[in-house]
């Protein structure tokens, strides 16, 4: 997802029963990019070569992939009102629990950075 977030197209090859294969295919399908999922090695090469040789399309993808990911089910929870807020609250609670268990080592962690990242990731 980091590649997609940064505007870099990703091609996946379906079929292998590995976590990374299933994850890659699931992410692309959820984003509406099933045409980037290859059934075999020849199709994988064809898709990758097609993307690599189309400079205008690559430029467009670099500008739009992040927004496409933001609007995809990978980041949007339309059926769960307040899901992002609840997730943020759960993560903040987890941080408090972990912090309390760290004792004197907690002073070495910049908790404001952790809280800022949680808020940023939850859309607040």
PDB file of N, CA and C in Angstrom:
ATOM      1  N   UNK A   1       0.821  -1.192   0.000  1.00  0.00           N
ATOM      2  CA  UNK A   1       0.000   0.000   0.000  1.00  0.00           C
ATOM      3  C   UNK A   1       0.863   1.253   0.000  1.00  0.00           C
ATOM      4  N   UNK A   2       2.074   1.167   0.508  1.00  0.00           N
ATOM      5  CA  UNK A   2       2.937   2.340   0.500  1.00  0.00           C
ATOM      6  C   UNK A   2       3.214   2.801  -0.920  1.00  0.00           C
ATOM      7  N   UNK A   3       3.432   1.864  -1.832  1.00  0.00           N
ATOM      8  CA  UNK A   3       3.683   2.242  -3.226  1.00  0.00           C
ATOM      9  C   UNK A   3       2.474   2.977  -3.797  1.00  0.00           C
ATOM     10  N   UNK A   4       1.302   2.430  -3.597  1.00  0.00           N
ATOM     11  CA  UNK A   4       0.080   3.061  -4.108  1.00  0.00           C
ATOM     12  C   UNK A   4      -0.114   4.437  -3.470  1.00  0.00           C
ATOM     13  N   UNK A   5       0.136   4.529  -2.171  1.00  0.00           N
ATOM     14  CA  UNK A   5      -0.002   5.794  -1.449  1.00  0.00           C
ATOM     15  C   UNK A   5       0.902   6.868  -2.053  1.00  0.00           C
ATOM     16  N   UNK A   6       2.059   6.440  -2.565  1.00  0.00           N
ATOM     17  CA  UNK A   6       3.018   7.377  -3.143  1.00  0.00           C
ATOM     18  C   UNK A   6       2.927   7.481  -4.658  1.00  0.00           C
ATOM     19  N   UNK A   7       1.818   6.986  -5.235  1.00  0.00           N
ATOM     20  CA  UNK A   7       1.564   7.176  -6.653  1.00  0.00           C
ATOM     21  C   UNK A   7       2.259   6.195  -7.575  1.00  0.00           C
ATOM     22  N   UNK A   8       2.724   5.078  -7.042  1.00  0.00           N
ATOM     23  CA  UNK A   8       3.418   4.088  -7.855  1.00  0.00           C
ATOM     24  C   UNK A   8       2.506   2.903  -8.108  1.00  0.00           C
ATOM     25  N   UNK A   9       2.203   2.617  -9.375  1.00  0.00           N
ATOM     26  CA  UNK A   9       1.333   1.477  -9.671  1.00  0.00           C
ATOM     27  C   UNK A   9       1.972   0.162  -9.229  1.00  0.00           C
ATOM     28  N   UNK A  10       1.136  -0.772  -8.849  1.00  0.00           N
ATOM     29  CA  UNK A  10       1.572  -2.085  -8.388  1.00  0.00           C
ATOM     30  C   UNK A  10       0.833  -3.142  -9.202  1.00  0.00           C
ATOM     31  N   UNK A  11       1.569  -4.132  -9.669  1.00  0.00           N
ATOM     32  CA  UNK A  11       0.968  -5.250 -10.389  1.00  0.00           C
ATOM     33  C   UNK A  11       1.073  -6.478  -9.489  1.00  0.00           C
ATOM     34  N   UNK A  12      -0.002  -7.234  -9.399  1.00  0.00           N
ATOM     35  CA  UNK A  12      -0.012  -8.452  -8.583  1.00  0.00           C
ATOM     36  C   UNK A  12      -0.313  -9.648  -9.474  1.00  0.00           C
ATOM     37  N   UNK A  13       0.184 -10.798  -9.059  1.00  0.00           N
ATOM     38  CA  UNK A  13      -0.100 -12.031  -9.799  1.00  0.00           C
ATOM     39  C   UNK A  13      -0.923 -12.942  -8.905  1.00  0.00           C
ATOM     40  N   UNK A  14      -2.133 -13.210  -9.332  1.00  0.00           N
ATOM     41  CA  UNK A  14      -3.041 -14.071  -8.570  1.00  0.00           C
ATOM     42  C   UNK A  14      -2.594 -15.514  -8.674  1.00  0.00           C
ATOM     43  N   UNK A  15      -3.100 -16.310  -7.743  1.00  0.00           N
ATOM     44  CA  UNK A  15      -2.879 -17.741  -7.845  1.00  0.00           C
ATOM     45  C   UNK A  15      -2.064 -18.344  -6.730  1.00  0.00           C
ATOM     46  N   UNK A  16      -0.994 -17.705  -6.337  1.00  0.00           N
ATOM     47  CA  UNK A  16      -0.179 -18.267  -5.252  1.00  0.00           C
ATOM     48  C   UNK A  16      -0.918 -18.075  -3.931  1.00  0.00           C
ATOM     49  N   UNK A  17      -0.926 -19.080  -3.122  1.00  0.00           N
ATOM     50  CA  UNK A  17      -1.617 -19.008  -1.834  1.00  0.00           C
ATOM     51  C   UNK A  17      -0.668 -18.503  -0.754  1.00  0.00           C
ATOM     52  N   UNK A  18      -0.215 -17.268  -0.920  1.00  0.00           N
ATOM     53  CA  UNK A  18       0.634 -16.654   0.093  1.00  0.00           C
ATOM     54  C   UNK A  18      -0.068 -15.405   0.612  1.00  0.00           C
ATOM     55  N   UNK A  19       0.327 -14.971   1.772  1.00  0.00           N
ATOM     56  CA  UNK A  19      -0.269 -13.775   2.364  1.00  0.00           C
ATOM     57  C   UNK A  19      -0.069 -12.566   1.461  1.00  0.00           C
ATOM     58  N   UNK A  20       1.150 -12.368   0.963  1.00  0.00           N
ATOM     59  CA  UNK A  20       1.428 -11.184   0.149  1.00  0.00           C
ATOM     60  C   UNK A  20       0.641 -11.194  -1.153  1.00  0.00           C
ATOM     61  N   UNK A  21       0.475 -12.358  -1.744  1.00  0.00           N
ATOM     62  CA  UNK A  21      -0.305 -12.442  -2.979  1.00  0.00           C
ATOM     63  C   UNK A  21      -1.763 -12.084  -2.711  1.00  0.00           C
ATOM     64  N   UNK A  22      -2.332 -12.679  -1.669  1.00  0.00           N
ATOM     65  CA  UNK A  22      -3.734 -12.390  -1.346  1.00  0.00           C
ATOM     66  C   UNK A  22      -3.913 -10.924  -0.969  1.00  0.00           C
ATOM     67  N   UNK A  23      -2.971 -10.374  -0.209  1.00  0.00           N
ATOM     68  CA  UNK A  23      -3.063  -8.973   0.191  1.00  0.00           C
ATOM     69  C   UNK A  23      -2.998  -8.053  -1.022  1.00  0.00           C
ATOM     70  N   UNK A  24      -2.020  -8.271  -1.878  1.00  0.00           N
ATOM     71  CA  UNK A  24      -1.877  -7.432  -3.067  1.00  0.00           C
ATOM     72  C   UNK A  24      -3.112  -7.461  -3.950  1.00  0.00           C
ATOM     73  N   UNK A  25      -3.628  -8.650  -4.192  1.00  0.00           N
ATOM     74  CA  UNK A  25      -4.830  -8.781  -5.025  1.00  0.00           C
ATOM     75  C   UNK A  25      -6.041  -8.152  -4.340  1.00  0.00           C
ATOM     76  N   UNK A  26      -6.162  -8.312  -3.037  1.00  0.00           N
ATOM     77  CA  UNK A  26      -7.293  -7.737  -2.299  1.00  0.00           C
ATOM     78  C   UNK A  26      -7.267  -6.218  -2.326  1.00  0.00           C
ATOM     79  N   UNK A  27      -6.085  -5.643  -2.117  1.00  0.00           N
ATOM     80  CA  UNK A  27      -5.963  -4.180  -2.122  1.00  0.00           C
ATOM     81  C   UNK A  27      -6.317  -3.632  -3.494  1.00  0.00           C
ATOM     82  N   UNK A  28      -5.761  -4.231  -4.547  1.00  0.00           N
ATOM     83  CA  UNK A  28      -6.053  -3.744  -5.898  1.00  0.00           C
ATOM     84  C   UNK A  28      -7.535  -3.876  -6.230  1.00  0.00           C
ATOM     85  N   UNK A  29      -8.137  -4.993  -5.864  1.00  0.00           N
ATOM     86  CA  UNK A  29      -9.566  -5.184  -6.132  1.00  0.00           C
ATOM     87  C   UNK A  29     -10.403  -4.168  -5.356  1.00  0.00           C
ATOM     88  N   UNK A  30     -10.055  -3.910  -4.102  1.00  0.00           N
ATOM     89  CA  UNK A  30     -10.808  -2.951  -3.290  1.00  0.00           C
ATOM     90  C   UNK A  30     -10.703  -1.542  -3.843  1.00  0.00           C
ATOM     91  N   UNK A  31      -9.599  -1.250  -4.514  1.00  0.00           N
ATOM     92  CA  UNK A  31      -9.413   0.078  -5.103  1.00  0.00           C
ATOM     93  C   UNK A  31     -10.008   0.183  -6.501  1.00  0.00           C
ATOM     94  N   UNK A  32     -10.571  -0.908  -7.005  1.00  0.00           N
ATOM     95  CA  UNK A  32     -11.130  -0.882  -8.360  1.00  0.00           C
ATOM     96  C   UNK A  32     -10.057  -1.009  -9.431  1.00  0.00           C
ATOM     97  N   UNK A  33      -8.925  -1.612  -9.077  1.00  0.00           N
ATOM     98  CA  UNK A  33      -7.814  -1.751 -10.019  1.00  0.00           C
ATOM     99  C   UNK A  33      -7.553  -3.211 -10.373  1.00  0.00           C
ATOM    100  N   UNK A  34      -8.606  -3.961 -10.560  1.00  0.00           N
ATOM    101  CA  UNK A  34      -8.479  -5.392 -10.879  1.00  0.00           C
ATOM    102  C   UNK A  34      -7.724  -5.636 -12.177  1.00  0.00           C
ATOM    103  N   UNK A  35      -7.673  -4.642 -13.048  1.00  0.00           N
ATOM    104  CA  UNK A  35      -6.937  -4.820 -14.306  1.00  0.00           C
ATOM    105  C   UNK A  35      -5.431  -4.914 -14.068  1.00  0.00           C
ATOM    106  N   UNK A  36      -4.974  -4.628 -12.857  1.00  0.00           N
ATOM    107  CA  UNK A  36      -3.561  -4.767 -12.508  1.00  0.00           C
ATOM    108  C   UNK A  36      -3.269  -6.111 -11.842  1.00  0.00           C
ATOM    109  N   UNK A  37      -4.243  -6.997 -11.816  1.00  0.00           N
ATOM    110  CA  UNK A  37      -4.055  -8.332 -11.254  1.00  0.00           C
ATOM    111  C   UNK A  37      -3.895  -9.315 -12.414  1.00  0.00           C
ATOM    112  N   UNK A  38      -2.733  -9.916 -12.501  1.00  0.00           N
ATOM    113  CA  UNK A  38      -2.427 -10.836 -13.598  1.00  0.00           C
ATOM    114  C   UNK A  38      -2.758 -12.271 -13.204  1.00  0.00           C
ATOM    115  N   UNK A  39      -3.172 -13.041 -14.192  1.00  0.00           N
ATOM    116  CA  UNK A  39      -3.494 -14.452 -13.966  1.00  0.00           C
ATOM    117  C   UNK A  39      -2.252 -15.335 -14.088  1.00  0.00           C
ATOM    118  N   UNK A  40      -1.247 -14.866 -14.859  1.00  0.00           N
ATOM    119  CA  UNK A  40      -0.037 -15.665 -15.050  1.00  0.00           C
ATOM    120  C   UNK A  40       1.146 -14.730 -15.291  1.00  0.00           C
ATOM    121  N   UNK A  41       2.326 -15.300 -15.476  1.00  0.00           N
ATOM    122  CA  UNK A  41       3.539 -14.486 -15.640  1.00  0.00           C
ATOM    123  C   UNK A  41       3.513 -13.654 -16.908  1.00  0.00           C
ATOM    124  N   UNK A  42       3.006 -14.203 -17.990  1.00  0.00           N
ATOM    125  CA  UNK A  42       2.950 -13.448 -19.250  1.00  0.00           C
ATOM    126  C   UNK A  42       2.063 -12.218 -19.107  1.00  0.00           C
ATOM    127  N   UNK A  43       0.917 -12.386 -18.460  1.00  0.00           N
ATOM    128  CA  UNK A  43       0.018 -11.244 -18.259  1.00  0.00           C
ATOM    129  C   UNK A  43       0.641 -10.226 -17.308  1.00  0.00           C
ATOM    130  N   UNK A  44       1.352 -10.709 -16.299  1.00  0.00           N
ATOM    131  CA  UNK A  44       2.043  -9.825 -15.354  1.00  0.00           C
ATOM    132  C   UNK A  44       3.018  -8.910 -16.108  1.00  0.00           C
ATOM    133  N   UNK A  45       3.811  -9.511 -16.990  1.00  0.00           N
ATOM    134  CA  UNK A  45       4.788  -8.745 -17.778  1.00  0.00           C
ATOM    135  C   UNK A  45       4.073  -7.776 -18.705  1.00  0.00           C
ATOM    136  N   UNK A  46       2.994  -8.224 -19.331  1.00  0.00           N
ATOM    137  CA  UNK A  46       2.239  -7.350 -20.244  1.00  0.00           C
ATOM    138  C   UNK A  46       1.677  -6.136 -19.502  1.00  0.00           C
ATOM    139  N   UNK A  47       1.088  -6.363 -18.329  1.00  0.00           N
ATOM    140  CA  UNK A  47       0.513  -5.264 -17.541  1.00  0.00           C
ATOM    141  C   UNK A  47       1.613  -4.298 -17.100  1.00  0.00           C
ATOM    142  N   UNK A  48       2.695  -4.839 -16.546  1.00  0.00           N
ATOM    143  CA  UNK A  48       3.793  -3.995 -16.054  1.00  0.00           C
ATOM    144  C   UNK A  48       4.428  -3.193 -17.191  1.00  0.00           C
ATOM    145  N   UNK A  49       4.674  -3.841 -18.319  1.00  0.00           N
ATOM    146  CA  UNK A  49       5.270  -3.150 -19.465  1.00  0.00           C
ATOM    147  C   UNK A  49       4.334  -2.079 -20.005  1.00  0.00           C
ATOM    148  N   UNK A  50       3.045  -2.375 -20.018  1.00  0.00           N
ATOM    149  CA  UNK A  50       2.071  -1.383 -20.480  1.00  0.00           C
ATOM    150  C   UNK A  50       2.044  -0.152 -19.586  1.00  0.00           C
ATOM    151  N   UNK A  51       2.081  -0.371 -18.291  1.00  0.00           N
ATOM    152  CA  UNK A  51       2.101   0.761 -17.368  1.00  0.00           C
ATOM    153  C   UNK A  51       3.406   1.553 -17.499  1.00  0.00           C
ATOM    154  N   UNK A  52       4.521   0.853 -17.579  1.00  0.00           N
ATOM    155  CA  UNK A  52       5.830   1.506 -17.631  1.00  0.00           C
ATOM    156  C   UNK A  52       6.036   2.316 -18.901  1.00  0.00           C
ATOM    157  N   UNK A  53       5.403   1.910 -19.983  1.00  0.00           N
ATOM    158  CA  UNK A  53       5.635   2.589 -21.262  1.00  0.00           C
ATOM    159  C   UNK A  53       4.641   3.708 -21.546  1.00  0.00           C
ATOM    160  N   UNK A  54       3.711   3.964 -20.645  1.00  0.00           N
ATOM    161  CA  UNK A  54       2.690   4.991 -20.859  1.00  0.00           C
ATOM    162  C   UNK A  54       2.932   6.173 -19.903  1.00  0.00           C
ATOM    163  N   UNK A  55       3.839   7.065 -20.325  1.00  0.00           N
ATOM    164  CA  UNK A  55       4.237   8.193 -19.460  1.00  0.00           C
ATOM    165  C   UNK A  55       3.058   9.078 -19.042  1.00  0.00           C
ATOM    166  N   UNK A  56       2.142   9.438 -19.945  1.00  0.00           N
ATOM    167  CA  UNK A  56       1.014  10.266 -19.502  1.00  0.00           C
ATOM    168  C   UNK A  56       0.146   9.571 -18.444  1.00  0.00           C
ATOM    169  N   UNK A  57      -0.075   8.278 -18.628  1.00  0.00           N
ATOM    170  CA  UNK A  57      -0.869   7.535 -17.639  1.00  0.00           C
ATOM    171  C   UNK A  57      -0.129   7.455 -16.300  1.00  0.00           C
ATOM    172  N   UNK A  58       1.178   7.228 -16.325  1.00  0.00           N
ATOM    173  CA  UNK A  58       1.963   7.193 -15.087  1.00  0.00           C
ATOM    174  C   UNK A  58       1.884   8.530 -14.357  1.00  0.00           C
ATOM    175  N   UNK A  59       1.951   9.605 -15.105  1.00  0.00           N
ATOM    176  CA  UNK A  59       1.849  10.932 -14.503  1.00  0.00           C
ATOM    177  C   UNK A  59       0.491  11.129 -13.832  1.00  0.00           C
ATOM    178  N   UNK A  60      -0.546  10.704 -14.517  1.00  0.00           N
ATOM    179  CA  UNK A  60      -1.899  10.787 -13.960  1.00  0.00           C
ATOM    180  C   UNK A  60      -2.025   9.916 -12.709  1.00  0.00           C
ATOM    181  N   UNK A  61      -1.477   8.725 -12.765  1.00  0.00           N
ATOM    182  CA  UNK A  61      -1.540   7.821 -11.612  1.00  0.00           C
ATOM    183  C   UNK A  61      -0.797   8.414 -10.421  1.00  0.00           C
ATOM    184  N   UNK A  62       0.333   9.031 -10.658  1.00  0.00           N
ATOM    185  CA  UNK A  62       1.089   9.647  -9.556  1.00  0.00           C
ATOM    186  C   UNK A  62       0.266  10.733  -8.873  1.00  0.00           C
ATOM    187  N   UNK A  63      -0.552  11.409  -9.640  1.00  0.00           N
ATOM    188  CA  UNK A  63      -1.385  12.472  -9.071  1.00  0.00           C
ATOM    189  C   UNK A  63      -2.641  11.942  -8.389  1.00  0.00           C
ATOM    190  N   UNK A  64      -3.129  10.776  -8.793  1.00  0.00           N
ATOM    191  CA  UNK A  64      -4.461  10.350  -8.339  1.00  0.00           C
ATOM    192  C   UNK A  64      -4.511   9.096  -7.465  1.00  0.00           C
ATOM    193  N   UNK A  65      -3.455   8.306  -7.423  1.00  0.00           N
ATOM    194  CA  UNK A  65      -3.529   7.046  -6.675  1.00  0.00           C
ATOM    195  C   UNK A  65      -3.774   7.262  -5.182  1.00  0.00           C
ATOM    196  N   UNK A  66      -3.172   8.290  -4.605  1.00  0.00           N
ATOM    197  CA  UNK A  66      -3.376   8.526  -3.173  1.00  0.00           C
ATOM    198  C   UNK A  66      -4.849   8.818  -2.878  1.00  0.00           C
ATOM    199  N   UNK A  67      -5.458   9.659  -3.699  1.00  0.00           N
ATOM    200  CA  UNK A  67      -6.877   9.962  -3.493  1.00  0.00           C
ATOM    201  C   UNK A  67      -7.739   8.725  -3.713  1.00  0.00           C
ATOM    202  N   UNK A  68      -7.372   7.919  -4.692  1.00  0.00           N
ATOM    203  CA  UNK A  68      -8.124   6.688  -4.955  1.00  0.00           C
ATOM    204  C   UNK A  68      -8.033   5.753  -3.749  1.00  0.00           C
ATOM    205  N   UNK A  69      -6.867   5.650  -3.158  1.00  0.00           N
ATOM    206  CA  UNK A  69      -6.690   4.820  -1.960  1.00  0.00           C
ATOM    207  C   UNK A  69      -7.484   5.398  -0.796  1.00  0.00           C
ATOM    208  N   UNK A  70      -7.454   6.709  -0.644  1.00  0.00           N
ATOM    209  CA  UNK A  70      -8.209   7.369   0.435  1.00  0.00           C
ATOM    210  C   UNK A  70      -9.702   7.088   0.336  1.00  0.00           C
ATOM    211  N   UNK A  71     -10.225   7.036  -0.887  1.00  0.00           N
ATOM    212  CA  UNK A  71     -11.664   6.828  -1.085  1.00  0.00           C
ATOM    213  C   UNK A  71     -12.048   5.359  -1.149  1.00  0.00           C
ATOM    214  N   UNK A  72     -11.073   4.477  -1.127  1.00  0.00           N
ATOM    215  CA  UNK A  72     -11.354   3.048  -1.245  1.00  0.00           C
ATOM    216  C   UNK A  72     -11.793   2.476   0.095  1.00  0.00           C
ATOM    217  N   UNK A  73     -12.362   1.281   0.068  1.00  0.00           N
ATOM    218  CA  UNK A  73     -12.721   0.612   1.323  1.00  0.00           C
ATOM    219  C   UNK A  73     -11.520   0.348   2.226  1.00  0.00           C
ATOM    220  N   UNK A  74     -10.312   0.462   1.682  1.00  0.00           N
ATOM    221  CA  UNK A  74      -9.124   0.261   2.500  1.00  0.00           C
ATOM    222  C   UNK A  74      -8.979   1.351   3.556  1.00  0.00           C
ATOM    223  N   UNK A  75      -9.565   2.522   3.310  1.00  0.00           N
ATOM    224  CA  UNK A  75      -9.446   3.636   4.249  1.00  0.00           C
ATOM    225  C   UNK A  75     -10.787   4.214   4.679  1.00  0.00           C
ATOM    226  N   UNK A  76     -11.847   3.826   4.039  1.00  0.00           N
ATOM    227  CA  UNK A  76     -13.150   4.415   4.313  1.00  0.00           C
ATOM    228  C   UNK A  76     -14.049   3.361   4.950  1.00  0.00           C
ATOM    229  N   UNK A  77     -14.779   3.766   5.961  1.00  0.00           N
ATOM    230  CA  UNK A  77     -15.659   2.840   6.658  1.00  0.00           C
ATOM    231  C   UNK A  77     -17.085   3.400   6.647  1.00  0.00           C
ATOM    232  N   UNK A  78     -17.743   3.466   5.476  1.00  0.00           N
ATOM    233  CA  UNK A  78     -19.044   4.122   5.402  1.00  0.00           C
ATOM    234  C   UNK A  78     -20.128   3.423   6.214  1.00  0.00           C
ATOM    235  N   UNK A  79     -20.014   2.132   6.442  1.00  0.00           N
ATOM    236  CA  UNK A  79     -21.045   1.403   7.176  1.00  0.00           C
ATOM    237  C   UNK A  79     -20.831   1.450   8.684  1.00  0.00           C
ATOM    238  N   UNK A  80     -19.742   2.056   9.121  1.00  0.00           N
ATOM    239  CA  UNK A  80     -19.419   2.127  10.537  1.00  0.00           C
ATOM    240  C   UNK A  80     -19.253   3.585  10.954  1.00  0.00           C
ATOM    241  N   UNK A  81     -20.356   4.276  11.252  1.00  0.00           N
ATOM    242  CA  UNK A  81     -20.246   5.690  11.623  1.00  0.00           C
ATOM    243  C   UNK A  81     -19.283   5.872  12.796  1.00  0.00           C
ATOM    244  N   UNK A  82     -18.382   6.810  12.652  1.00  0.00           N
ATOM    245  CA  UNK A  82     -17.438   7.105  13.711  1.00  0.00           C
ATOM    246  C   UNK A  82     -16.334   6.085  13.868  1.00  0.00           C
ATOM    247  N   UNK A  83     -16.174   5.179  12.884  1.00  0.00           N
ATOM    248  CA  UNK A  83     -15.175   4.114  13.025  1.00  0.00           C
ATOM    249  C   UNK A  83     -13.777   4.675  13.195  1.00  0.00           C
ATOM    250  N   UNK A  84     -13.452   5.728  12.459  1.00  0.00           N
ATOM    251  CA  UNK A  84     -12.112   6.305  12.575  1.00  0.00           C
ATOM    252  C   UNK A  84     -11.892   6.898  13.956  1.00  0.00           C
ATOM    253  N   UNK A  85     -12.906   7.546  14.482  1.00  0.00           N
ATOM    254  CA  UNK A  85     -12.787   8.120  15.823  1.00  0.00           C
ATOM    255  C   UNK A  85     -12.623   7.008  16.840  1.00  0.00           C
ATOM    256  N   UNK A  86     -13.431   5.963  16.726  1.00  0.00           N
ATOM    257  CA  UNK A  86     -13.318   4.848  17.671  1.00  0.00           C
ATOM    258  C   UNK A  86     -11.955   4.178  17.572  1.00  0.00           C
ATOM    259  N   UNK A  87     -11.455   3.993  16.357  1.00  0.00           N
ATOM    260  CA  UNK A  87     -10.140   3.400  16.188  1.00  0.00           C
ATOM    261  C   UNK A  87      -9.095   4.268  16.879  1.00  0.00           C
ATOM    262  N   UNK A  88      -9.183   5.555  16.674  1.00  0.00           N
ATOM    263  CA  UNK A  88      -8.247   6.480  17.312  1.00  0.00           C
ATOM    264  C   UNK A  88      -8.315   6.347  18.827  1.00  0.00           C
ATOM    265  N   UNK A  89      -9.510   6.257  19.366  1.00  0.00           N
ATOM    266  CA  UNK A  89      -9.671   6.134  20.812  1.00  0.00           C
ATOM    267  C   UNK A  89      -9.071   4.826  21.321  1.00  0.00           C
ATOM    268  N   UNK A  90      -9.271   3.745  20.583  1.00  0.00           N
ATOM    269  CA  UNK A  90      -8.719   2.457  20.992  1.00  0.00           C
ATOM    270  C   UNK A  90      -7.190   2.474  20.956  1.00  0.00           C
ATOM    271  N   UNK A  91      -6.632   3.085  19.913  1.00  0.00           N
ATOM    272  CA  UNK A  91      -5.175   3.154  19.814  1.00  0.00           C
ATOM    273  C   UNK A  91      -4.613   4.015  20.941  1.00  0.00           C
ATOM    274  N   UNK A  92      -5.274   5.138  21.230  1.00  0.00           N
ATOM    275  CA  UNK A  92      -4.807   5.987  22.328  1.00  0.00           C
ATOM    276  C   UNK A  92      -4.882   5.246  23.659  1.00  0.00           C
ATOM    277  N   UNK A  93      -5.920   4.460  23.873  1.00  0.00           N
ATOM    278  CA  UNK A  93      -6.032   3.662  25.098  1.00  0.00           C
ATOM    279  C   UNK A  93      -4.893   2.642  25.164  1.00  0.00           C
ATOM    280  N   UNK A  94      -4.609   1.996  24.035  1.00  0.00           N
ATOM    281  CA  UNK A  94      -3.521   1.036  23.984  1.00  0.00           C
ATOM    282  C   UNK A  94      -2.192   1.715  24.330  1.00  0.00           C
ATOM    283  N   UNK A  95      -1.981   2.903  23.790  1.00  0.00           N
ATOM    284  CA  UNK A  95      -0.742   3.639  24.087  1.00  0.00           C
ATOM    285  C   UNK A  95      -0.649   3.924  25.584  1.00  0.00           C
ATOM    286  N   UNK A  96      -1.765   4.325  26.202  1.00  0.00           N
ATOM    287  CA  UNK A  96      -1.747   4.590  27.645  1.00  0.00           C
ATOM    288  C   UNK A  96      -1.397   3.326  28.430  1.00  0.00           C
ATOM    289  N   UNK A  97      -1.964   2.194  28.038  1.00  0.00           N
ATOM    290  CA  UNK A  97      -1.683   0.936  28.725  1.00  0.00           C
ATOM    291  C   UNK A  97      -0.210   0.558  28.565  1.00  0.00           C
ATOM    292  N   UNK A  98       0.284   0.638  27.335  1.00  0.00           N
ATOM    293  CA  UNK A  98       1.687   0.303  27.085  1.00  0.00           C
ATOM    294  C   UNK A  98       2.595   1.252  27.850  1.00  0.00           C
ATOM    295  N   UNK A  99       2.266   2.535  27.797  1.00  0.00           N
ATOM    296  CA  UNK A  99       3.084   3.544  28.479  1.00  0.00           C
ATOM    297  C   UNK A  99       3.150   3.270  29.977  1.00  0.00           C
ATOM    298  N   UNK A 100       2.036   2.915  30.584  1.00  0.00           N
ATOM    299  CA  UNK A 100       2.017   2.664  32.026  1.00  0.00           C
ATOM    300  C   UNK A 100       2.847   1.434  32.371  1.00  0.00           C
ATOM    301  N   UNK A 101       2.930   0.474  31.466  1.00  0.00           N
ATOM    302  CA  UNK A 101       3.701  -0.736  31.713  1.00  0.00           C
ATOM    303  C   UNK A 101       5.189  -0.575  31.453  1.00  0.00           C
ATOM    304  N   UNK A 102       5.585   0.547  30.855  1.00  0.00           N
ATOM    305  CA  UNK A 102       6.989   0.753  30.548  1.00  0.00           C
ATOM    306  C   UNK A 102       7.785   1.297  31.731  1.00  0.00           C
ATOM    307  N   UNK A 103       7.074   1.809  32.721  1.00  0.00           N
ATOM    308  CA  UNK A 103       7.760   2.358  33.887  1.00  0.00           C
ATOM    309  C   UNK A 103       8.722   3.464  33.509  1.00  0.00           C
ATOM    310  N   UNK A 104       9.935   3.371  33.986  1.00  0.00           N
ATOM    311  CA  UNK A 104      10.907   4.446  33.774  1.00  0.00           C
ATOM    312  C   UNK A 104      11.343   4.578  32.318  1.00  0.00           C
ATOM    313  N   UNK A 105      11.118   3.548  31.478  1.00  0.00           N
ATOM    314  CA  UNK A 105      11.515   3.626  30.078  1.00  0.00           C
ATOM    315  C   UNK A 105      10.582   4.512  29.258  1.00  0.00           C
ATOM    316  N   UNK A 106       9.400   4.802  29.773  1.00  0.00           N
ATOM    317  CA  UNK A 106       8.426   5.625  29.054  1.00  0.00           C
ATOM    318  C   UNK A 106       8.967   7.020  28.770  1.00  0.00           C
ATOM    319  N   UNK A 107       9.898   7.496  29.594  1.00  0.00           N
ATOM    320  CA  UNK A 107      10.429   8.850  29.403  1.00  0.00           C
ATOM    321  C   UNK A 107      11.238   8.979  28.115  1.00  0.00           C
ATOM    322  N   UNK A 108      11.655   7.868  27.516  1.00  0.00           N
ATOM    323  CA  UNK A 108      12.467   7.905  26.306  1.00  0.00           C
ATOM    324  C   UNK A 108      11.637   7.936  25.020  1.00  0.00           C
ATOM    325  N   UNK A 109      10.328   7.862  25.156  1.00  0.00           N
ATOM    326  CA  UNK A 109       9.441   7.861  23.990  1.00  0.00           C
ATOM    327  C   UNK A 109       8.731   9.204  23.910  1.00  0.00           C
ATOM    328  N   UNK A 110       8.727   9.796  22.711  1.00  0.00           N
ATOM    329  CA  UNK A 110       8.038  11.070  22.514  1.00  0.00           C
ATOM    330  C   UNK A 110       6.569  10.770  22.217  1.00  0.00           C
ATOM    331  N   UNK A 111       5.760  10.772  23.265  1.00  0.00           N
ATOM    332  CA  UNK A 111       4.353  10.382  23.146  1.00  0.00           C
ATOM    333  C   UNK A 111       3.533  11.381  22.350  1.00  0.00           C
ATOM    334  N   UNK A 112       3.982  12.625  22.259  1.00  0.00           N
ATOM    335  CA  UNK A 112       3.240  13.596  21.448  1.00  0.00           C
ATOM    336  C   UNK A 112       3.306  13.202  19.974  1.00  0.00           C
ATOM    337  N   UNK A 113       4.442  12.650  19.537  1.00  0.00           N
ATOM    338  CA  UNK A 113       4.550  12.171  18.156  1.00  0.00           C
ATOM    339  C   UNK A 113       3.607  11.004  17.913  1.00  0.00           C
ATOM    340  N   UNK A 114       3.514  10.092  18.867  1.00  0.00           N
ATOM    341  CA  UNK A 114       2.616   8.937  18.739  1.00  0.00           C
ATOM    342  C   UNK A 114       1.176   9.421  18.633  1.00  0.00           C
ATOM    343  N   UNK A 115       0.774  10.324  19.528  1.00  0.00           N
ATOM    344  CA  UNK A 115      -0.604  10.840  19.506  1.00  0.00           C
ATOM    345  C   UNK A 115      -0.893  11.579  18.212  1.00  0.00           C
ATOM    346  N   UNK A 116       0.068  12.355  17.725  1.00  0.00           N
ATOM    347  CA  UNK A 116      -0.127  13.103  16.476  1.00  0.00           C
ATOM    348  C   UNK A 116      -0.337  12.135  15.316  1.00  0.00           C
ATOM    349  N   UNK A 117       0.448  11.058  15.258  1.00  0.00           N
ATOM    350  CA  UNK A 117       0.304  10.077  14.188  1.00  0.00           C
ATOM    351  C   UNK A 117      -1.040   9.352  14.262  1.00  0.00           C
ATOM    352  N   UNK A 118      -1.502   9.061  15.468  1.00  0.00           N
ATOM    353  CA  UNK A 118      -2.800   8.413  15.633  1.00  0.00           C
ATOM    354  C   UNK A 118      -3.898   9.340  15.113  1.00  0.00           C
ATOM    355  N   UNK A 119      -3.846  10.606  15.494  1.00  0.00           N
ATOM    356  CA  UNK A 119      -4.858  11.565  15.029  1.00  0.00           C
ATOM    357  C   UNK A 119      -4.789  11.731  13.519  1.00  0.00           C
ATOM    358  N   UNK A 120      -3.582  11.816  12.966  1.00  0.00           N
ATOM    359  CA  UNK A 120      -3.413  11.976  11.526  1.00  0.00           C
ATOM    360  C   UNK A 120      -3.975  10.768  10.783  1.00  0.00           C
ATOM    361  N   UNK A 121      -3.702   9.582  11.287  1.00  0.00           N
ATOM    362  CA  UNK A 121      -4.171   8.348  10.645  1.00  0.00           C
ATOM    363  C   UNK A 121      -5.661   8.154  10.761  1.00  0.00           C
ATOM    364  N   UNK A 122      -6.295   8.781  11.746  1.00  0.00           N
ATOM    365  CA  UNK A 122      -7.730   8.599  11.923  1.00  0.00           C
ATOM    366  C   UNK A 122      -8.537   9.685  11.224  1.00  0.00           C
ATOM    367  N   UNK A 123      -7.860  10.618  10.563  1.00  0.00           N
ATOM    368  CA  UNK A 123      -8.570  11.657   9.818  1.00  0.00           C
ATOM    369  C   UNK A 123      -9.011  12.820  10.660  1.00  0.00           C
ATOM    370  N   UNK A 124      -8.539  12.908  11.891  1.00  0.00           N
ATOM    371  CA  UNK A 124      -8.927  14.037  12.754  1.00  0.00           C
ATOM    372  C   UNK A 124      -8.149  15.281  12.389  1.00  0.00           C
TER     373      UNK A 124
END
